[in-house]
Structures are given as C-alpha cells and as structure tokens.
Amino acid sequence: MPLGIYIEYTPRHGHRDMLLDRLREEAESCMRDDEGCLRMEVAVPQQADDPRIFLIELWRDRAALSAHSARPGHSHAWQEPLVESKRVSVCDVVASPAAP
C-alpha cells in the first residue's frame, strides 16, 4: 500500500527562504534518485503572511521509504537550525488518482 508523508514546517524567523530552497533541492533529488518515490511536492500557503511550508511525499510502499532512509548520508539534521517546529503525519494512502 502506498504511504503518504505530510510534513508541516514552521521556519525560524529569517530562515524561510533558505528552508524552502533546501526542501526544493531535496524533493528534486528524491524524485530523481529514489526509485520508490512516486511524488514529492513542496507547497506554501497562498496567504503572504503565513510562513509555513508543506512537504508532501508519496512512496510506493514501506520498503521504498526504508530504502530512502537508509541511503548513505541521509539525515534531517540540516533542518534543525532552520525549523522552529515540524509536524509529521505518516498515512496509508487509500486513493491517489492521477492528475488530468
């Protein structure tokens, strides 16, 4: 069963752009290098005064996510100085229709 990971970041003051750039790089890397990564999206609220950043991941299965996590050099430690708070939800995806 596919897994969805939904992450809500609140960046530290003055670090939003740096966090956003780094998450974009990470998303591109995962889509390119991780066979089981089906989708990786970085999204921001339309309200200009809302600093949050969302990372939406879709993985083929738990094995694909485990392989991603086991990659040499894989770490989220780089996020610590940039992130005020982080909320992660790991979900079983019950429907994911293809976009038109």
N, C-alpha and C. Protein backbone atom coordinates (compact mmCIF):
# COMPACT_ATOMS: atom_id res chain seq x y z
N MET A 1 0.85 -1.18 0.00
CA MET A 1 0.00 0.00 0.00
C MET A 1 0.90 1.24 0.00
N PRO A 2 0.57 2.23 -0.83
CA PRO A 2 1.37 3.47 -0.84
C PRO A 2 1.31 4.19 0.51
N LEU A 3 2.39 4.89 0.80
CA LEU A 3 2.48 5.69 2.02
C LEU A 3 2.56 7.16 1.66
N GLY A 4 1.82 7.96 2.38
CA GLY A 4 1.91 9.40 2.24
C GLY A 4 2.55 9.98 3.49
N ILE A 5 3.47 10.89 3.29
CA ILE A 5 4.08 11.59 4.41
C ILE A 5 3.78 13.07 4.20
N TYR A 6 3.18 13.67 5.20
CA TYR A 6 2.75 15.06 5.14
C TYR A 6 3.46 15.80 6.26
N ILE A 7 4.30 16.75 5.88
CA ILE A 7 5.12 17.46 6.86
C ILE A 7 4.80 18.95 6.79
N GLU A 8 4.49 19.52 7.93
CA GLU A 8 4.24 20.96 8.06
C GLU A 8 5.41 21.57 8.83
N TYR A 9 6.12 22.46 8.17
CA TYR A 9 7.25 23.15 8.78
C TYR A 9 6.87 24.58 9.13
N THR A 10 7.28 25.04 10.28
CA THR A 10 7.26 26.46 10.61
C THR A 10 8.73 26.86 10.74
N PRO A 11 9.22 27.66 9.79
CA PRO A 11 10.64 28.01 9.82
C PRO A 11 10.96 29.02 10.92
N ARG A 12 12.20 29.01 11.36
CA ARG A 12 12.67 30.04 12.29
C ARG A 12 12.66 31.38 11.57
N HIS A 13 12.48 32.44 12.33
CA HIS A 13 12.45 33.79 11.77
C HIS A 13 13.71 34.03 10.92
N GLY A 14 13.50 34.50 9.70
CA GLY A 14 14.60 34.83 8.82
C GLY A 14 15.19 33.65 8.05
N HIS A 15 14.61 32.45 8.23
CA HIS A 15 15.17 31.27 7.58
C HIS A 15 14.22 30.62 6.57
N ARG A 16 13.08 31.24 6.29
CA ARG A 16 12.09 30.62 5.42
C ARG A 16 12.63 30.35 4.02
N ASP A 17 13.26 31.34 3.40
CA ASP A 17 13.74 31.16 2.03
C ASP A 17 14.81 30.08 1.95
N MET A 18 15.69 30.03 2.94
CA MET A 18 16.73 29.01 2.95
C MET A 18 16.12 27.61 3.09
N LEU A 19 15.14 27.47 3.98
CA LEU A 19 14.47 26.20 4.16
C LEU A 19 13.72 25.81 2.89
N LEU A 20 13.03 26.74 2.29
CA LEU A 20 12.27 26.47 1.07
C LEU A 20 13.21 26.01 -0.05
N ASP A 21 14.32 26.68 -0.24
CA ASP A 21 15.28 26.28 -1.27
C ASP A 21 15.82 24.88 -1.02
N ARG A 22 16.16 24.61 0.21
CA ARG A 22 16.73 23.30 0.53
C ARG A 22 15.70 22.18 0.36
N LEU A 23 14.44 22.44 0.73
CA LEU A 23 13.40 21.43 0.54
C LEU A 23 13.15 21.18 -0.95
N ARG A 24 13.20 22.23 -1.76
CA ARG A 24 13.07 22.05 -3.22
C ARG A 24 14.18 21.13 -3.74
N GLU A 25 15.42 21.38 -3.30
CA GLU A 25 16.54 20.54 -3.72
C GLU A 25 16.34 19.10 -3.29
N GLU A 26 15.91 18.91 -2.05
CA GLU A 26 15.68 17.56 -1.54
C GLU A 26 14.58 16.85 -2.33
N ALA A 27 13.51 17.57 -2.66
CA ALA A 27 12.41 16.98 -3.42
C ALA A 27 12.88 16.54 -4.80
N GLU A 28 13.64 17.39 -5.47
CA GLU A 28 14.16 17.04 -6.80
C GLU A 28 15.09 15.84 -6.71
N SER A 29 15.93 15.80 -5.70
CA SER A 29 16.86 14.68 -5.51
C SER A 29 16.10 13.37 -5.29
N CYS A 30 15.08 13.41 -4.46
CA CYS A 30 14.31 12.19 -4.18
C CYS A 30 13.61 11.69 -5.44
N MET A 31 13.00 12.60 -6.19
CA MET A 31 12.30 12.19 -7.41
C MET A 31 13.28 11.60 -8.42
N ARG A 32 14.47 12.11 -8.45
CA ARG A 32 15.48 11.65 -9.41
C ARG A 32 16.16 10.35 -8.94
N ASP A 33 16.46 10.25 -7.65
CA ASP A 33 17.35 9.19 -7.15
C ASP A 33 16.66 8.05 -6.41
N ASP A 34 15.45 8.23 -5.95
CA ASP A 34 14.78 7.20 -5.16
C ASP A 34 13.70 6.53 -6.01
N GLU A 35 13.96 5.28 -6.37
CA GLU A 35 13.06 4.55 -7.25
C GLU A 35 11.62 4.49 -6.74
N GLY A 36 11.44 4.35 -5.46
CA GLY A 36 10.10 4.20 -4.91
C GLY A 36 9.39 5.49 -4.57
N CYS A 37 10.00 6.63 -4.89
CA CYS A 37 9.36 7.92 -4.64
C CYS A 37 8.44 8.24 -5.81
N LEU A 38 7.14 8.23 -5.56
CA LEU A 38 6.16 8.46 -6.61
C LEU A 38 5.82 9.94 -6.78
N ARG A 39 5.95 10.70 -5.70
CA ARG A 39 5.66 12.14 -5.78
C ARG A 39 6.33 12.82 -4.60
N MET A 40 6.82 14.02 -4.84
CA MET A 40 7.44 14.82 -3.80
C MET A 40 7.10 16.27 -4.14
N GLU A 41 6.30 16.89 -3.31
CA GLU A 41 5.84 18.25 -3.57
C GLU A 41 6.19 19.17 -2.41
N VAL A 42 6.58 20.39 -2.73
CA VAL A 42 6.81 21.43 -1.75
C VAL A 42 5.74 22.48 -2.01
N ALA A 43 5.02 22.87 -0.97
CA ALA A 43 3.91 23.81 -1.14
C ALA A 43 3.95 24.88 -0.06
N VAL A 44 3.44 26.05 -0.42
CA VAL A 44 3.35 27.17 0.53
C VAL A 44 1.93 27.72 0.50
N PRO A 45 1.44 28.21 1.63
CA PRO A 45 0.10 28.81 1.67
C PRO A 45 0.02 30.04 0.76
N GLN A 46 -1.16 30.30 0.23
CA GLN A 46 -1.36 31.46 -0.63
C GLN A 46 -1.33 32.76 0.16
N GLN A 47 -1.61 32.71 1.46
CA GLN A 47 -1.57 33.91 2.29
C GLN A 47 -0.12 34.32 2.51
N ALA A 48 0.22 35.54 2.12
CA ALA A 48 1.61 36.01 2.18
C ALA A 48 2.17 36.04 3.60
N ASP A 49 1.33 36.22 4.59
CA ASP A 49 1.82 36.32 5.97
C ASP A 49 1.90 34.97 6.70
N ASP A 50 1.63 33.88 5.98
CA ASP A 50 1.71 32.54 6.56
C ASP A 50 3.07 31.94 6.20
N PRO A 51 3.97 31.78 7.16
CA PRO A 51 5.33 31.33 6.86
C PRO A 51 5.49 29.83 6.66
N ARG A 52 4.44 29.06 6.90
CA ARG A 52 4.59 27.60 6.85
C ARG A 52 5.00 27.10 5.46
N ILE A 53 5.64 25.94 5.48
CA ILE A 53 6.00 25.22 4.26
C ILE A 53 5.54 23.78 4.45
N PHE A 54 4.98 23.21 3.40
CA PHE A 54 4.49 21.83 3.45
C PHE A 54 5.29 20.97 2.49
N LEU A 55 5.65 19.79 2.95
CA LEU A 55 6.29 18.79 2.10
C LEU A 55 5.33 17.62 2.03
N ILE A 56 4.96 17.24 0.81
CA ILE A 56 4.02 16.15 0.59
C ILE A 56 4.76 15.06 -0.18
N GLU A 57 4.84 13.88 0.40
CA GLU A 57 5.58 12.77 -0.20
C GLU A 57 4.64 11.60 -0.45
N LEU A 58 4.86 10.91 -1.56
CA LEU A 58 4.13 9.67 -1.84
C LEU A 58 5.15 8.60 -2.18
N TRP A 59 5.12 7.52 -1.40
CA TRP A 59 6.06 6.42 -1.56
C TRP A 59 5.32 5.17 -1.97
N ARG A 60 5.93 4.38 -2.83
CA ARG A 60 5.31 3.15 -3.34
C ARG A 60 4.88 2.23 -2.21
N ASP A 61 5.74 2.08 -1.19
CA ASP A 61 5.46 1.20 -0.06
C ASP A 61 6.47 1.48 1.04
N ARG A 62 6.33 0.78 2.15
CA ARG A 62 7.24 0.99 3.28
C ARG A 62 8.68 0.63 2.91
N ALA A 63 8.87 -0.39 2.08
CA ALA A 63 10.22 -0.79 1.67
C ALA A 63 10.92 0.34 0.92
N ALA A 64 10.20 1.04 0.06
CA ALA A 64 10.79 2.16 -0.67
C ALA A 64 11.19 3.29 0.28
N LEU A 65 10.34 3.57 1.25
CA LEU A 65 10.66 4.60 2.24
C LEU A 65 11.86 4.18 3.09
N SER A 66 11.92 2.92 3.46
CA SER A 66 13.05 2.42 4.24
C SER A 66 14.35 2.51 3.45
N ALA A 67 14.30 2.20 2.16
CA ALA A 67 15.49 2.31 1.31
C ALA A 67 15.95 3.77 1.23
N HIS A 68 15.01 4.68 1.12
CA HIS A 68 15.33 6.11 1.10
C HIS A 68 16.01 6.52 2.41
N SER A 69 15.47 6.09 3.52
CA SER A 69 16.01 6.45 4.83
C SER A 69 17.39 5.84 5.07
N ALA A 70 17.67 4.71 4.44
CA ALA A 70 18.94 4.02 4.63
C ALA A 70 20.04 4.51 3.68
N ARG A 71 19.69 5.40 2.78
CA ARG A 71 20.70 5.92 1.83
C ARG A 71 21.87 6.54 2.58
N PRO A 72 23.08 6.30 2.12
CA PRO A 72 24.24 6.93 2.77
C PRO A 72 24.10 8.45 2.80
N GLY A 73 24.35 9.03 3.94
CA GLY A 73 24.29 10.48 4.08
C GLY A 73 22.90 11.03 4.35
N HIS A 74 21.88 10.15 4.37
CA HIS A 74 20.51 10.63 4.62
C HIS A 74 20.37 11.09 6.07
N SER A 75 19.98 12.33 6.22
CA SER A 75 19.78 12.89 7.56
C SER A 75 18.91 14.13 7.45
N HIS A 76 18.14 14.36 8.49
CA HIS A 76 17.35 15.59 8.57
C HIS A 76 17.99 16.60 9.52
N ALA A 77 19.18 16.31 9.97
CA ALA A 77 19.86 17.20 10.93
C ALA A 77 20.05 18.61 10.38
N TRP A 78 20.19 18.75 9.06
CA TRP A 78 20.37 20.07 8.46
C TRP A 78 19.18 20.98 8.72
N GLN A 79 18.02 20.40 9.01
CA GLN A 79 16.80 21.19 9.22
C GLN A 79 16.78 21.90 10.57
N GLU A 80 17.46 21.34 11.56
CA GLU A 80 17.34 21.83 12.93
C GLU A 80 17.57 23.34 13.09
N PRO A 81 18.62 23.93 12.50
CA PRO A 81 18.80 25.38 12.70
C PRO A 81 17.80 26.24 11.91
N LEU A 82 17.06 25.63 10.98
CA LEU A 82 16.14 26.38 10.13
C LEU A 82 14.68 26.28 10.56
N VAL A 83 14.36 25.30 11.40
CA VAL A 83 12.97 24.96 11.69
C VAL A 83 12.61 25.25 13.15
N GLU A 84 11.55 26.04 13.32
CA GLU A 84 11.00 26.31 14.64
C GLU A 84 10.19 25.12 15.14
N SER A 85 9.33 24.60 14.24
CA SER A 85 8.54 23.41 14.58
C SER A 85 8.28 22.61 13.32
N LYS A 86 8.00 21.32 13.54
CA LYS A 86 7.80 20.38 12.43
C LYS A 86 6.75 19.37 12.88
N ARG A 87 5.74 19.20 12.05
CA ARG A 87 4.68 18.25 12.35
C ARG A 87 4.62 17.23 11.22
N VAL A 88 4.76 15.95 11.55
CA VAL A 88 4.83 14.89 10.55
C VAL A 88 3.67 13.93 10.73
N SER A 89 2.99 13.61 9.64
CA SER A 89 1.94 12.58 9.64
C SER A 89 2.30 11.56 8.57
N VAL A 90 2.36 10.29 8.96
CA VAL A 90 2.58 9.19 8.03
C VAL A 90 1.25 8.48 7.87
N CYS A 91 0.80 8.35 6.63
CA CYS A 91 -0.55 7.84 6.37
C CYS A 91 -0.54 6.75 5.31
N ASP A 92 -1.47 5.81 5.43
CA ASP A 92 -1.75 4.89 4.33
C ASP A 92 -2.57 5.66 3.32
N VAL A 93 -2.16 5.62 2.07
CA VAL A 93 -2.88 6.34 1.01
C VAL A 93 -3.95 5.40 0.45
N VAL A 94 -5.20 5.79 0.56
CA VAL A 94 -6.30 4.93 0.11
C VAL A 94 -6.79 5.32 -1.28
N ALA A 95 -6.42 6.51 -1.77
CA ALA A 95 -6.75 6.91 -3.15
C ALA A 95 -5.78 8.01 -3.56
N SER A 96 -5.29 7.90 -4.79
CA SER A 96 -4.41 8.92 -5.35
C SER A 96 -4.59 8.95 -6.86
N PRO A 97 -5.73 9.46 -7.30
CA PRO A 97 -5.99 9.50 -8.75
C PRO A 97 -4.95 10.34 -9.47
N ALA A 98 -4.61 9.95 -10.67
CA ALA A 98 -3.67 10.70 -11.48
C ALA A 98 -4.26 12.06 -11.83
N ALA A 99 -3.41 13.07 -11.82
CA ALA A 99 -3.87 14.41 -12.21
C ALA A 99 -4.17 14.43 -13.70
N PRO A 100 -5.18 15.22 -14.11
CA PRO A 100 -5.52 15.27 -15.54
C PRO A 100 -4.43 15.93 -16.37
